Each structure stands twice: as C-alpha cells, then as structure tokens.
Amino acid sequence: GKDFTMIEISLEIVVLQCITNLQGIHSERDVKLDKQITWPILYIDEEKIHQVCTNVLSNAIKYSPEGGDINISTAHRIVDKQEQFGLSIQDYGIGLSPSQLSRVGERFYRADESGSIPGTGLGLALVKEIMAVHKGKMEIVSKQNTGTTVTIWFPV
C-alpha cells in the first residue's frame, strides 16, 4: 500500500481512458459501455485502477474470438452493510473450466496452456492484489466456450 497515491476521482473517468487506449490498439474490437447507473466518486489510486481495468479488458480481448463484443456494465450492492460499486467486463470467448477458474489470480498461472495467447500469468494476480489494497475484490464467472465475466467491486 505504500506505493499507492490515493485520490478522489470518478471511476468512470478511469474506465473511459482504458477503453479509449485499448480501442486505439484494437480498433477492430467493439467495447460497449452500459452507463445506466451514476458512477460514484471513489478514493482510489488512479494509475493502479487504470492498470486493473487495462488488465481485465486486455484479457477479454485476447480470449475472445475476432470481432467478438466486450460488454462493460455497472452495479451497486450492499454486503455486510457496506455499499459496493461493481464494474463487470464480459466477453464471449473461450471461457474457463472449473479447474482453471479455481486457479485464476495465482501468479504465473496461465489458463491458455497452448502458449498461443501472449501473456505472463501476472495480469489477474495483480488485479487481485491491487483490489485488496483498495479493500475491494475481483469475482469471476465463466463457462467454457461461452465466455467470462470479471466483476471488480469497490467499497463506496
């Protein structure tokens, strides 16, 4: 936590920057953002949360078929009397088996054993660690050959 610079900022600003940056690299991909909920101002490290969004969005792009849509949605919930804001990134790609899903977030674990999809196996491990410092969490729902939804939950 000592390398974190926390500021009050709208998460929407950070997410829109990530989308813009990634669509500049992957212009053929359509990232759809559902903005029906008012985004809260959060106390976060802007750079680290940008990294979180970039890592999750990059995975959604890498593990989806060419031209497959990526959908981003938001949600609110209350857990143990604590309001939380969720950012869900959904792809319709290769998905994960239950055994792969149980290992996601481990350092250097790669669900793609073929080596055909580039990566180090650190992306979601870093997401998990950064979210822990922010007192948030990462939840993943996935089904093989159907896709994956990664939800990042922030305390409000």
Protein backbone atom coordinates (compact mmCIF):
# COMPACT_ATOMS: atom_id res chain seq x y z
CA GLY A 1 0.00 0.00 0.00
CA LYS A 2 2.96 2.39 0.42
CA ASP A 3 3.34 2.85 -3.36
CA PHE A 4 -0.28 3.90 -3.76
CA THR A 5 -1.35 7.52 -4.24
CA MET A 6 -5.00 7.67 -3.30
CA ILE A 7 -7.21 10.46 -4.66
CA GLU A 8 -10.92 11.08 -5.00
CA ILE A 9 -11.94 10.53 -8.63
CA SER A 10 -14.82 9.16 -10.64
CA LEU A 11 -14.16 5.59 -11.69
CA GLU A 12 -15.92 6.45 -14.96
CA ILE A 13 -13.02 8.73 -15.97
CA VAL A 14 -10.50 5.91 -15.46
CA VAL A 15 -12.63 3.34 -17.31
CA LEU A 16 -13.24 5.64 -20.28
CA GLN A 17 -9.46 6.24 -20.55
CA CYS A 18 -8.83 2.47 -20.58
CA ILE A 19 -11.44 1.90 -23.27
CA THR A 20 -10.01 4.71 -25.41
CA ASN A 21 -6.44 3.41 -25.04
CA LEU A 22 -7.34 -0.20 -25.86
CA GLN A 23 -9.56 0.70 -28.79
CA GLY A 24 -6.64 2.66 -30.20
CA ILE A 25 -4.63 -0.60 -30.18
CA HIS A 26 -7.51 -2.94 -31.02
CA SER A 27 -9.63 -0.73 -33.28
CA GLU A 28 -11.44 -3.75 -34.69
CA ARG A 29 -12.93 -4.57 -31.27
CA ASP A 30 -16.15 -3.01 -30.03
CA VAL A 31 -16.30 -2.31 -26.30
CA LYS A 32 -19.84 -1.44 -25.26
CA LEU A 33 -20.33 0.52 -22.05
CA ASP A 34 -23.73 0.44 -20.35
CA LYS A 35 -23.89 3.63 -18.31
CA GLN A 36 -27.30 3.39 -16.67
CA ILE A 37 -26.04 3.85 -13.12
CA THR A 38 -24.48 7.00 -11.69
CA TRP A 39 -20.80 6.35 -11.10
CA PRO A 40 -19.58 7.21 -7.61
CA ILE A 41 -16.53 9.26 -6.70
CA LEU A 42 -14.09 6.75 -5.18
CA TYR A 43 -10.92 7.06 -3.14
CA ILE A 44 -8.51 5.15 -5.39
CA ASP A 45 -5.05 5.15 -6.92
CA GLU A 46 -5.91 6.28 -10.45
CA GLU A 47 -2.84 4.71 -12.06
CA LYS A 48 -3.29 1.34 -10.33
CA ILE A 49 -7.01 1.18 -11.13
CA HIS A 50 -6.18 2.08 -14.73
CA GLN A 51 -3.87 -0.97 -14.67
CA VAL A 52 -6.71 -3.12 -13.23
CA CYS A 53 -9.10 -2.05 -16.00
CA THR A 54 -6.46 -2.49 -18.68
CA ASN A 55 -5.54 -5.99 -17.47
CA VAL A 56 -9.15 -7.19 -17.35
CA LEU A 57 -10.10 -5.58 -20.68
CA SER A 58 -6.94 -6.92 -22.36
CA ASN A 59 -7.83 -10.45 -21.23
CA ALA A 60 -11.37 -10.05 -22.53
CA ILE A 61 -9.96 -9.02 -25.90
CA LYS A 62 -7.25 -11.72 -26.01
CA TYR A 63 -9.56 -14.59 -25.08
CA SER A 64 -12.47 -13.60 -27.35
CA PRO A 65 -12.99 -14.56 -30.95
CA GLU A 66 -12.00 -11.99 -33.59
CA GLY A 67 -14.62 -9.27 -33.70
CA GLY A 68 -16.35 -10.52 -30.53
CA ASP A 69 -18.00 -7.83 -28.45
CA ILE A 70 -16.84 -6.85 -24.99
CA ASN A 71 -19.58 -5.50 -22.71
CA ILE A 72 -18.99 -3.36 -19.64
CA SER A 73 -21.76 -2.83 -17.13
CA THR A 74 -22.06 -1.43 -13.62
CA ALA A 75 -23.95 -2.43 -10.49
CA HIS A 76 -24.50 -1.50 -6.87
CA ARG A 77 -24.88 -3.91 -3.98
CA ILE A 78 -24.69 -3.98 -0.19
CA VAL A 79 -22.59 -6.64 1.52
CA ASP A 80 -22.33 -6.68 5.33
CA LYS A 81 -23.85 -3.18 5.46
CA GLN A 82 -21.14 -1.88 3.10
CA GLU A 83 -22.22 -0.30 -0.19
CA GLN A 84 -20.20 -1.54 -3.15
CA PHE A 85 -19.92 -0.43 -6.76
CA GLY A 86 -19.21 -3.10 -9.36
CA LEU A 87 -17.64 -2.89 -12.78
CA SER A 88 -18.30 -6.00 -14.88
CA ILE A 89 -16.37 -6.78 -18.05
CA GLN A 90 -17.95 -9.56 -20.10
CA ASP A 91 -16.58 -11.39 -23.11
CA TYR A 92 -17.99 -14.20 -25.22
CA GLY A 93 -14.71 -16.02 -25.66
CA ILE A 94 -13.21 -19.38 -24.80
CA GLY A 95 -14.18 -19.26 -21.12
CA LEU A 96 -12.65 -21.28 -18.30
CA SER A 97 -13.21 -24.76 -16.93
CA PRO A 98 -13.99 -25.06 -13.19
CA SER A 99 -10.41 -26.22 -12.51
CA GLN A 100 -8.95 -23.27 -14.46
CA LEU A 101 -11.32 -20.87 -12.71
CA SER A 102 -10.16 -22.10 -9.30
CA ARG A 103 -6.58 -21.05 -10.14
CA VAL A 104 -7.25 -17.63 -11.69
CA GLY A 105 -5.40 -14.94 -9.78
CA GLU A 106 -2.42 -17.16 -8.93
CA ARG A 107 0.86 -15.60 -10.01
CA PHE A 108 2.15 -17.04 -13.30
CA TYR A 109 -0.92 -19.26 -13.82
CA ARG A 110 -1.98 -19.31 -17.47
CA ALA A 111 -5.32 -20.82 -18.48
CA ASP A 112 -4.03 -20.99 -22.07
CA GLU A 113 -1.62 -23.92 -21.94
CA SER A 114 -1.01 -23.89 -25.70
CA GLY A 115 1.10 -20.75 -25.48
CA SER A 116 -0.73 -19.30 -28.48
CA ILE A 117 -2.15 -16.35 -26.49
CA PRO A 118 0.56 -13.97 -25.21
CA GLY A 119 0.86 -13.19 -21.51
CA THR A 120 2.81 -13.81 -18.32
CA GLY A 121 0.12 -15.06 -15.96
CA LEU A 122 0.51 -11.97 -13.79
CA GLY A 123 -2.38 -9.78 -15.01
CA LEU A 124 -5.21 -11.07 -12.83
CA ALA A 125 -2.85 -11.74 -9.90
CA LEU A 126 -2.01 -8.02 -9.97
CA VAL A 127 -5.70 -7.13 -10.26
CA LYS A 128 -6.43 -9.23 -7.17
CA GLU A 129 -3.58 -7.61 -5.20
CA ILE A 130 -4.44 -4.04 -6.24
CA MET A 131 -8.10 -4.58 -5.36
CA ALA A 132 -7.13 -5.95 -1.94
CA VAL A 133 -5.24 -2.72 -1.19
CA HIS A 134 -8.40 -0.82 -2.21
CA LYS A 135 -10.46 -3.07 0.11
CA GLY A 136 -12.29 -4.36 -2.95
CA LYS A 137 -12.40 -7.71 -4.68
CA MET A 138 -12.50 -9.46 -8.02
CA GLU A 139 -15.19 -12.02 -8.83
CA ILE A 140 -15.15 -14.19 -11.95
CA VAL A 141 -17.94 -16.19 -13.54
CA SER A 142 -17.01 -18.28 -16.56
CA LYS A 143 -18.22 -21.15 -18.68
CA GLN A 144 -16.10 -22.93 -21.28
CA ASN A 145 -16.85 -21.95 -24.86
CA THR A 146 -19.35 -19.33 -23.65
CA GLY A 147 -17.30 -16.55 -22.10
CA THR A 148 -16.18 -14.89 -18.91
CA THR A 149 -17.41 -12.04 -16.76
CA VAL A 150 -14.94 -10.38 -14.39
CA THR A 151 -16.50 -8.05 -11.83
CA ILE A 152 -14.37 -5.64 -9.82
CA TRP A 153 -16.10 -4.49 -6.62
CA PHE A 154 -15.14 -1.23 -4.91
CA PRO A 155 -16.29 -0.06 -1.48
CA VAL A 156 -18.25 3.20 -1.74
